[in-house]
C-alpha atoms as a PDB file:
ATOM      1  CA  MET A   1     -17.051  20.855  28.698  1.00  0.00           C
ATOM      2  CA  SER A   2     -13.484  21.815  27.819  1.00  0.00           C
ATOM      3  CA  LYS A   3     -11.915  20.402  24.696  1.00  0.00           C
ATOM      4  CA  LEU A   4      -9.573  17.475  25.300  1.00  0.00           C
ATOM      5  CA  LEU A   5      -5.873  17.917  24.662  1.00  0.00           C
ATOM      6  CA  PRO A   6      -4.562  15.773  21.786  1.00  0.00           C
ATOM      7  CA  ARG A   7      -2.941  13.286  24.167  1.00  0.00           C
ATOM      8  CA  GLU A   8      -6.176  13.071  26.160  1.00  0.00           C
ATOM      9  CA  GLN A   9      -8.052  12.203  22.957  1.00  0.00           C
ATOM     10  CA  ILE A  10      -5.904   9.067  22.647  1.00  0.00           C
ATOM     11  CA  THR A  11      -6.683   7.966  26.189  1.00  0.00           C
ATOM     12  CA  ALA A  12     -10.380   8.774  25.816  1.00  0.00           C
ATOM     13  CA  ALA A  13     -10.696   6.735  22.608  1.00  0.00           C
ATOM     14  CA  LEU A  14      -9.094   3.674  24.193  1.00  0.00           C
ATOM     15  CA  GLU A  15     -11.180   3.974  27.345  1.00  0.00           C
ATOM     16  CA  ALA A  16     -14.360   4.390  25.297  1.00  0.00           C
ATOM     17  CA  ALA A  17     -13.725   1.047  23.620  1.00  0.00           C
ATOM     18  CA  ASN A  18     -13.335  -0.632  27.011  1.00  0.00           C
ATOM     19  CA  THR A  19     -16.524   1.020  28.224  1.00  0.00           C
ATOM     20  CA  ASN A  20     -18.297  -0.740  25.357  1.00  0.00           C
ATOM     21  CA  ASN A  21     -16.845  -4.073  26.540  1.00  0.00           C
ATOM     22  CA  LYS A  22     -14.346  -4.246  23.700  1.00  0.00           C
ATOM     23  CA  VAL A  23     -10.607  -4.621  23.550  1.00  0.00           C
ATOM     24  CA  ALA A  24      -9.292  -1.367  22.101  1.00  0.00           C
ATOM     25  CA  LEU A  25      -7.636  -1.845  18.715  1.00  0.00           C
ATOM     26  CA  VAL A  26      -4.637   0.182  17.506  1.00  0.00           C
ATOM     27  CA  PRO A  27      -3.904  -0.713  13.870  1.00  0.00           C
ATOM     28  CA  PHE A  28      -0.481   0.228  12.481  1.00  0.00           C
ATOM     29  CA  ILE A  29       0.357   0.963   8.855  1.00  0.00           C
ATOM     30  CA  THR A  30       3.451   2.321   7.166  1.00  0.00           C
ATOM     31  CA  ALA A  31       2.558   5.657   5.593  1.00  0.00           C
ATOM     32  CA  GLY A  32       2.089   5.493   1.832  1.00  0.00           C
ATOM     33  CA  TYR A  33       2.430   1.707   1.607  1.00  0.00           C
ATOM     34  CA  PRO A  34       1.611  -0.269  -0.444  1.00  0.00           C
ATOM     35  CA  ASP A  35      -0.132   2.409  -2.528  1.00  0.00           C
ATOM     36  CA  LYS A  36       0.944   5.988  -1.949  1.00  0.00           C
ATOM     37  CA  ASP A  37      -2.107   7.396  -3.737  1.00  0.00           C
ATOM     38  CA  ALA A  38      -4.469   5.376  -1.518  1.00  0.00           C
ATOM     39  CA  PHE A  39      -2.929   6.515   1.784  1.00  0.00           C
ATOM     40  CA  ILE A  40      -5.858   8.548   3.109  1.00  0.00           C
ATOM     41  CA  SER A  41      -8.554   6.180   1.854  1.00  0.00           C
ATOM     42  CA  THR A  42      -6.703   3.281   3.504  1.00  0.00           C
ATOM     43  CA  LEU A  43      -6.466   5.220   6.757  1.00  0.00           C
ATOM     44  CA  LYS A  44     -10.181   5.950   6.705  1.00  0.00           C
ATOM     45  CA  ALA A  45     -10.992   2.282   6.126  1.00  0.00           C
ATOM     46  CA  ILE A  46      -8.768   1.299   9.050  1.00  0.00           C
ATOM     47  CA  ALA A  47     -10.217   3.987  11.301  1.00  0.00           C
ATOM     48  CA  THR A  48     -13.689   2.481  10.890  1.00  0.00           C
ATOM     49  CA  GLU A  49     -12.483  -0.477  12.993  1.00  0.00           C
ATOM     50  CA  GLY A  50      -9.551   0.949  14.951  1.00  0.00           C
ATOM     51  CA  ASP A  51      -9.894   3.094  18.051  1.00  0.00           C
ATOM     52  CA  VAL A  52      -6.521   4.808  17.581  1.00  0.00           C
ATOM     53  CA  VAL A  53      -4.503   4.656  14.352  1.00  0.00           C
ATOM     54  CA  GLU A  54      -0.705   4.352  14.426  1.00  0.00           C
ATOM     55  CA  ILE A  55       1.107   5.578  11.320  1.00  0.00           C
ATOM     56  CA  GLY A  56       4.701   4.562  10.742  1.00  0.00           C
ATOM     57  CA  VAL A  57       7.040   7.204   9.344  1.00  0.00           C
ATOM     58  CA  PRO A  58       9.307   5.350   6.879  1.00  0.00           C
ATOM     59  CA  PHE A  59      12.917   5.185   7.993  1.00  0.00           C
ATOM     60  CA  SER A  60      16.013   3.725   6.353  1.00  0.00           C
ATOM     61  CA  ASP A  61      17.067   1.702   9.411  1.00  0.00           C
ATOM     62  CA  PRO A  62      13.949   0.651  11.357  1.00  0.00           C
ATOM     63  CA  MET A  63      15.848  -1.335  13.979  1.00  0.00           C
ATOM     64  CA  ALA A  64      12.851  -2.343  16.108  1.00  0.00           C
ATOM     65  CA  ASP A  65      10.904  -3.704  13.149  1.00  0.00           C
ATOM     66  CA  GLY A  66      10.808  -7.100  11.481  1.00  0.00           C
ATOM     67  CA  VAL A  67      11.075  -7.883   7.793  1.00  0.00           C
ATOM     68  CA  THR A  68       7.491  -6.910   6.907  1.00  0.00           C
ATOM     69  CA  ILE A  69       7.738  -3.371   8.252  1.00  0.00           C
ATOM     70  CA  GLN A  70      11.314  -3.026   7.011  1.00  0.00           C
ATOM     71  CA  ARG A  71      10.124  -3.951   3.523  1.00  0.00           C
ATOM     72  CA  SER A  72       7.216  -1.517   3.680  1.00  0.00           C
ATOM     73  CA  SER A  73       9.430   1.266   4.996  1.00  0.00           C
ATOM     74  CA  HIS A  74      12.030   0.900   2.245  1.00  0.00           C
ATOM     75  CA  ALA A  75       9.337   0.765  -0.456  1.00  0.00           C
ATOM     76  CA  ALA A  76       7.593   3.869   0.931  1.00  0.00           C
ATOM     77  CA  ILE A  77      10.862   5.817   0.957  1.00  0.00           C
ATOM     78  CA  ALA A  78      11.510   4.770  -2.647  1.00  0.00           C
ATOM     79  CA  ALA A  79       8.031   6.084  -3.526  1.00  0.00           C
ATOM     80  CA  GLY A  80       8.874   9.490  -2.034  1.00  0.00           C
ATOM     81  CA  VAL A  81       7.053   9.242   1.300  1.00  0.00           C
ATOM     82  CA  SER A  82       8.501  11.564   3.943  1.00  0.00           C
ATOM     83  CA  LEU A  83       7.398  13.094   7.221  1.00  0.00           C
ATOM     84  CA  HIS A  84       6.586  16.339   5.414  1.00  0.00           C
ATOM     85  CA  TRP A  85       4.461  14.450   2.893  1.00  0.00           C
ATOM     86  CA  ILE A  86       2.610  12.542   5.618  1.00  0.00           C
ATOM     87  CA  LEU A  87       1.717  15.689   7.536  1.00  0.00           C
ATOM     88  CA  ASP A  88       0.644  17.500   4.363  1.00  0.00           C
ATOM     89  CA  GLU A  89      -1.622  14.573   3.459  1.00  0.00           C
ATOM     90  CA  LEU A  90      -3.154  14.444   6.932  1.00  0.00           C
ATOM     91  CA  THR A  91      -3.642  18.218   7.012  1.00  0.00           C
ATOM     92  CA  ALA A  92      -5.517  18.125   3.698  1.00  0.00           C
ATOM     93  CA  ALA A  93      -7.665  15.166   4.709  1.00  0.00           C
ATOM     94  CA  GLU A  94     -10.953  15.349   6.520  1.00  0.00           C
ATOM     95  CA  ASP A  95     -11.242  13.922  10.033  1.00  0.00           C
ATOM     96  CA  LEU A  96     -10.251  10.266   9.961  1.00  0.00           C
ATOM     97  CA  GLY A  97     -12.607   9.347  12.785  1.00  0.00           C
ATOM     98  CA  ALA A  98      -9.895   8.128  15.201  1.00  0.00           C
ATOM     99  CA  PRO A  99      -6.942   9.780  16.944  1.00  0.00           C
ATOM    100  CA  VAL A 100      -3.644   9.451  15.070  1.00  0.00           C
ATOM    101  CA  VAL A 101      -0.268   8.587  16.599  1.00  0.00           C
ATOM    102  CA  LEU A 102       2.939   8.732  14.560  1.00  0.00           C
ATOM    103  CA  MET A 103       5.589   6.078  15.126  1.00  0.00           C
ATOM    104  CA  SER A 104       8.922   7.548  14.077  1.00  0.00           C
ATOM    105  CA  TYR A 105      12.579   7.099  14.760  1.00  0.00           C
ATOM    106  CA  LEU A 106      14.243  10.243  16.047  1.00  0.00           C
ATOM    107  CA  ASN A 107      16.236  11.426  13.031  1.00  0.00           C
ATOM    108  CA  PRO A 108      13.241  12.562  10.907  1.00  0.00           C
ATOM    109  CA  LEU A 109      11.866  14.476  13.905  1.00  0.00           C
ATOM    110  CA  LEU A 110      15.190  16.201  14.529  1.00  0.00           C
ATOM    111  CA  ALA A 111      15.498  17.127  10.860  1.00  0.00           C
ATOM    112  CA  PHE A 112      11.972  18.593  10.838  1.00  0.00           C
ATOM    113  CA  GLY A 113      12.521  20.654  14.004  1.00  0.00           C
ATOM    114  CA  TYR A 114      10.509  19.993  17.156  1.00  0.00           C
ATOM    115  CA  GLU A 115       8.596  23.283  17.305  1.00  0.00           C
ATOM    116  CA  ALA A 116       7.647  23.249  13.618  1.00  0.00           C
ATOM    117  CA  LEU A 117       6.726  19.581  13.929  1.00  0.00           C
ATOM    118  CA  ALA A 118       4.393  20.156  16.866  1.00  0.00           C
ATOM    119  CA  LYS A 119       2.615  23.042  15.109  1.00  0.00           C
ATOM    120  CA  GLN A 120       2.130  20.978  11.946  1.00  0.00           C
ATOM    121  CA  CYS A 121       0.873  18.033  13.987  1.00  0.00           C
ATOM    122  CA  ILE A 122      -1.842  20.163  15.559  1.00  0.00           C
ATOM    123  CA  ALA A 123      -2.943  21.295  12.089  1.00  0.00           C
ATOM    124  CA  ALA A 124      -2.841  17.697  10.809  1.00  0.00           C
ATOM    125  CA  GLY A 125      -4.785  16.175  13.710  1.00  0.00           C
ATOM    126  CA  VAL A 126      -1.857  14.128  14.995  1.00  0.00           C
ATOM    127  CA  CYS A 127      -2.200  13.488  18.733  1.00  0.00           C
ATOM    128  CA  GLY A 128       1.171  12.077  19.699  1.00  0.00           C
ATOM    129  CA  PHE A 129       4.331  10.105  18.988  1.00  0.00           C
ATOM    130  CA  ILE A 130       5.995   6.780  19.625  1.00  0.00           C
ATOM    131  CA  VAL A 131       9.781   7.136  19.262  1.00  0.00           C
ATOM    132  CA  PRO A 132      11.441   3.755  19.885  1.00  0.00           C
ATOM    133  CA  ASP A 133      15.038   5.024  19.737  1.00  0.00           C
ATOM    134  CA  LEU A 134      14.541   7.972  22.111  1.00  0.00           C
ATOM    135  CA  PRO A 135      15.402   6.918  25.690  1.00  0.00           C
ATOM    136  CA  TRP A 136      13.709   8.742  28.534  1.00  0.00           C
ATOM    137  CA  GLU A 137      17.010  10.188  29.728  1.00  0.00           C
ATOM    138  CA  GLU A 138      17.525  11.957  26.385  1.00  0.00           C
ATOM    139  CA  SER A 139      13.933  13.004  25.750  1.00  0.00           C
ATOM    140  CA  ALA A 140      13.594  16.179  27.859  1.00  0.00           C
ATOM    141  CA  GLU A 141      13.818  18.607  24.925  1.00  0.00           C
ATOM    142  CA  PHE A 142      11.305  16.695  22.812  1.00  0.00           C
ATOM    143  CA  ARG A 143       8.952  16.166  25.767  1.00  0.00           C
ATOM    144  CA  ALA A 144       8.992  19.876  26.577  1.00  0.00           C
ATOM    145  CA  VAL A 145       7.765  20.786  23.101  1.00  0.00           C
ATOM    146  CA  MET A 146       5.171  18.003  23.106  1.00  0.00           C
ATOM    147  CA  ASP A 147       3.881  19.189  26.485  1.00  0.00           C
ATOM    148  CA  LYS A 148       3.596  22.746  25.196  1.00  0.00           C
ATOM    149  CA  TYR A 149       1.124  21.601  22.543  1.00  0.00           C
ATOM    150  CA  GLY A 150      -0.599  18.856  24.537  1.00  0.00           C
ATOM    151  CA  LEU A 151       0.831  16.086  22.349  1.00  0.00           C
ATOM    152  CA  ALA A 152       1.582  12.624  23.729  1.00  0.00           C
ATOM    153  CA  LEU A 153       4.943  10.936  23.946  1.00  0.00           C
ATOM    154  CA  VAL A 154       4.091   7.266  24.402  1.00  0.00           C
ATOM    155  CA  GLN A 155       6.667   5.238  26.317  1.00  0.00           C
ATOM    156  CA  LEU A 156       7.570   1.650  25.494  1.00  0.00           C
ATOM    157  CA  VAL A 157       8.233  -1.006  28.123  1.00  0.00           C
ATOM    158  CA  THR A 158       9.280  -4.631  27.677  1.00  0.00           C
ATOM    159  CA  PRO A 159       9.196  -7.869  29.672  1.00  0.00           C
ATOM    160  CA  VAL A 160      12.832  -7.257  30.690  1.00  0.00           C
ATOM    161  CA  THR A 161      12.412  -3.639  31.814  1.00  0.00           C
ATOM    162  CA  PRO A 162      13.632  -3.454  35.460  1.00  0.00           C
ATOM    163  CA  ASP A 163      10.936  -2.701  38.037  1.00  0.00           C
ATOM    164  CA  ASP A 164      12.164   0.769  38.946  1.00  0.00           C
ATOM    165  CA  ARG A 165      12.470   1.784  35.307  1.00  0.00           C
ATOM    166  CA  LEU A 166       9.083   0.251  34.514  1.00  0.00           C
ATOM    167  CA  GLU A 167       7.482   2.444  37.154  1.00  0.00           C
ATOM    168  CA  MET A 168       9.246   5.560  35.832  1.00  0.00           C
ATOM    169  CA  LEU A 169       8.263   4.950  32.212  1.00  0.00           C
ATOM    170  CA  CYS A 170       4.676   4.053  33.070  1.00  0.00           C
ATOM    171  CA  LYS A 171       4.223   7.211  35.116  1.00  0.00           C
ATOM    172  CA  GLY A 172       5.805   9.322  32.379  1.00  0.00           C
ATOM    173  CA  SER A 173       3.881   7.866  29.456  1.00  0.00           C
ATOM    174  CA  GLN A 174       1.076   9.891  27.864  1.00  0.00           C
ATOM    175  CA  GLY A 175      -1.897   8.651  25.866  1.00  0.00           C
ATOM    176  CA  PHE A 176      -1.136   5.033  26.692  1.00  0.00           C
ATOM    177  CA  VAL A 177       1.743   2.750  27.645  1.00  0.00           C
ATOM    178  CA  TYR A 178       3.081   0.605  24.815  1.00  0.00           C
ATOM    179  CA  ALA A 179       3.764  -2.801  26.380  1.00  0.00           C
ATOM    180  CA  VAL A 180       5.996  -4.805  24.058  1.00  0.00           C
ATOM    181  CA  THR A 181       4.946  -8.434  24.479  1.00  0.00           C
ATOM    182  CA  ILE A 182       8.160 -10.164  23.399  1.00  0.00           C
ATOM    183  CA  THR A 183      11.884  -9.553  23.415  1.00  0.00           C
ATOM    184  CA  GLY A 184      12.960  -8.955  19.840  1.00  0.00           C
ATOM    185  CA  ILE A 185      11.515  -7.235  16.786  1.00  0.00           C
ATOM    186  CA  THR A 186       8.035  -6.867  15.341  1.00  0.00           C
ATOM    187  CA  GLY A 187       6.352  -9.384  13.078  1.00  0.00           C
ATOM    188  CA  GLY A 188       6.490 -13.146  12.862  1.00  0.00           C
ATOM    189  CA  ASP A 189       3.933 -15.738  13.811  1.00  0.00           C
ATOM    190  CA  VAL A 190       5.341 -16.847  17.139  1.00  0.00           C
ATOM    191  CA  ALA A 191       3.443 -17.848  20.246  1.00  0.00           C
ATOM    192  CA  LEU A 192       3.345 -15.170  22.912  1.00  0.00           C
ATOM    193  CA  PRO A 193       5.100 -16.291  26.115  1.00  0.00           C
ATOM    194  CA  PRO A 194       2.852 -17.636  28.874  1.00  0.00           C
ATOM    195  CA  THR A 195       4.270 -15.040  31.248  1.00  0.00           C
ATOM    196  CA  VAL A 196       2.904 -12.178  29.132  1.00  0.00           C
ATOM    197  CA  THR A 197      -0.312 -11.933  31.135  1.00  0.00           C
ATOM    198  CA  ASP A 198       1.495 -11.497  34.457  1.00  0.00           C
ATOM    199  CA  TYR A 199       3.753  -8.934  32.831  1.00  0.00           C
ATOM    200  CA  LEU A 200       0.775  -6.938  31.498  1.00  0.00           C
ATOM    201  CA  ASP A 201      -0.885  -7.029  34.909  1.00  0.00           C
ATOM    202  CA  GLN A 202       2.321  -5.611  36.369  1.00  0.00           C
ATOM    203  CA  VAL A 203       2.450  -2.820  33.769  1.00  0.00           C
ATOM    204  CA  LYS A 204      -1.177  -1.875  34.475  1.00  0.00           C
ATOM    205  CA  SER A 205      -0.449  -1.637  38.185  1.00  0.00           C
ATOM    206  CA  HIS A 206       2.055   1.161  37.527  1.00  0.00           C
ATOM    207  CA  THR A 207      -0.036   3.502  35.376  1.00  0.00           C
ATOM    208  CA  SER A 208      -3.303   5.418  35.234  1.00  0.00           C
ATOM    209  CA  VAL A 209      -3.380   5.561  31.411  1.00  0.00           C
ATOM    210  CA  PRO A 210      -4.407   2.611  29.215  1.00  0.00           C
ATOM    211  CA  VAL A 211      -1.942  -0.169  28.437  1.00  0.00           C
ATOM    212  CA  CYS A 212      -1.744  -1.481  24.867  1.00  0.00           C
ATOM    213  CA  ALA A 213       0.087  -4.699  24.021  1.00  0.00           C
ATOM    214  CA  GLY A 214       2.025  -4.926  20.786  1.00  0.00           C
ATOM    215  CA  PHE A 215       4.492  -7.080  18.777  1.00  0.00           C
ATOM    216  CA  GLY A 216       3.430 -10.458  17.425  1.00  0.00           C
ATOM    217  CA  VAL A 217      -0.341  -9.914  17.575  1.00  0.00           C
ATOM    218  CA  ARG A 218      -2.147 -11.386  14.573  1.00  0.00           C
ATOM    219  CA  HIS A 219      -4.911 -13.739  15.764  1.00  0.00           C
ATOM    220  CA  ALA A 220      -8.315 -13.203  17.388  1.00  0.00           C
ATOM    221  CA  SER A 221      -7.415 -15.666  20.152  1.00  0.00           C
ATOM    222  CA  GLN A 222      -4.410 -13.511  21.069  1.00  0.00           C
ATOM    223  CA  VAL A 223      -6.528 -10.374  21.118  1.00  0.00           C
ATOM    224  CA  GLU A 224      -9.057 -12.049  23.397  1.00  0.00           C
ATOM    225  CA  ASN A 225      -6.373 -13.337  25.770  1.00  0.00           C
ATOM    226  CA  LEU A 226      -4.441 -10.069  25.919  1.00  0.00           C
ATOM    227  CA  GLY A 227      -7.651  -8.112  26.330  1.00  0.00           C
ATOM    228  CA  HIS A 228      -8.164  -9.617  29.781  1.00  0.00           C
ATOM    229  CA  HIS A 229      -4.896  -8.025  30.910  1.00  0.00           C
ATOM    230  CA  ALA A 230      -4.459  -4.916  28.720  1.00  0.00           C
ATOM    231  CA  ASN A 231      -6.793  -2.177  27.539  1.00  0.00           C
ATOM    232  CA  GLY A 232      -5.875  -2.628  23.912  1.00  0.00           C
ATOM    233  CA  VAL A 233      -3.722  -4.377  21.331  1.00  0.00           C
ATOM    234  CA  ILE A 234      -1.525  -3.007  18.550  1.00  0.00           C
ATOM    235  CA  VAL A 235      -1.622  -4.858  15.231  1.00  0.00           C
ATOM    236  CA  GLY A 236       1.104  -4.006  12.734  1.00  0.00           C
ATOM    237  CA  SER A 237       2.879  -6.569  10.581  1.00  0.00           C
ATOM    238  CA  ALA A 238      -0.217  -8.745  10.150  1.00  0.00           C
ATOM    239  CA  LEU A 239      -2.205  -5.751   8.901  1.00  0.00           C
ATOM    240  CA  VAL A 240       0.567  -4.609   6.560  1.00  0.00           C
ATOM    241  CA  GLU A 241       0.584  -8.116   5.073  1.00  0.00           C
ATOM    242  CA  GLN A 242      -3.170  -7.861   4.460  1.00  0.00           C
ATOM    243  CA  LEU A 243      -2.661  -4.574   2.636  1.00  0.00           C
ATOM    244  CA  GLU A 244       0.183  -6.053   0.570  1.00  0.00           C
ATOM    245  CA  ALA A 245      -2.185  -8.802  -0.537  1.00  0.00           C
ATOM    246  CA  GLY A 246      -4.762  -6.238  -1.650  1.00  0.00           C
ATOM    247  CA  ALA A 247      -7.256  -7.238   1.057  1.00  0.00           C
ATOM    248  CA  ASP A 248      -9.803  -4.895   2.608  1.00  0.00           C
ATOM    249  CA  PRO A 249      -8.361  -4.099   6.056  1.00  0.00           C
ATOM    250  CA  ALA A 250     -11.713  -3.533   7.770  1.00  0.00           C
ATOM    251  CA  PRO A 251     -12.940  -7.172   7.815  1.00  0.00           C
ATOM    252  CA  PHE A 252      -9.537  -8.390   9.002  1.00  0.00           C
ATOM    253  CA  LEU A 253      -9.560  -5.932  11.913  1.00  0.00           C
ATOM    254  CA  ARG A 254     -13.199  -6.665  12.679  1.00  0.00           C
ATOM    255  CA  ASP A 255     -12.457 -10.386  12.867  1.00  0.00           C
ATOM    256  CA  LEU A 256      -9.666  -9.809  15.373  1.00  0.00           C
ATOM    257  CA  ARG A 257     -12.251  -8.549  17.851  1.00  0.00           C
ATOM    258  CA  SER A 258     -14.976 -11.018  16.960  1.00  0.00           C
END
């Protein structure tokens, strides 16, 4: 059997969870937060419960993120966390046990250099990227390098994405489609709109890769409800808050799927 490409490893991990009658779980943490020295051990603890792990690259102006992730990003930068540091840490670490996706705004990727970035990602076990400020129309250069190395570029869609654009982004997405559940930024304890299930059904109808729902997910009841209409859920701000409080992330994540 041929070895899976990095982007195929993401899809396979999500589909494997569904095969076991589970909602796939994609936990998000900001790299190096709240304890820079505990970064890898925290990742390993999260990977025991998560099917794919999303690591946020700290950025000075995280425009898609709410106050929790903004706070974590600014603190990580102050502690010296950078994209270079993250990749060095991942390269030195043993296998985490789950595919890794980096969530980064475009500037750090541009500064690193796409070709050098892709090569380092392969060495570090990174399987793909989520880049919220990179529109499809401006992504050809980045996508070409990602394709060369088999890395995923995950596309984001929202409840207000027009139908024709939704179809284009879903067909172009690799690894999975990131279905933003609300209009706005991450975080907060707000009820998901009742129309979210119809929206997720629509997203799934346009793609052959898994669909993962994110933004505002923090309760087991939400995970159960979304799991009937999406392959997986992304949990970010709620998990970062657990880490800030010094809690063990594994029981929190386990309870979300209970």
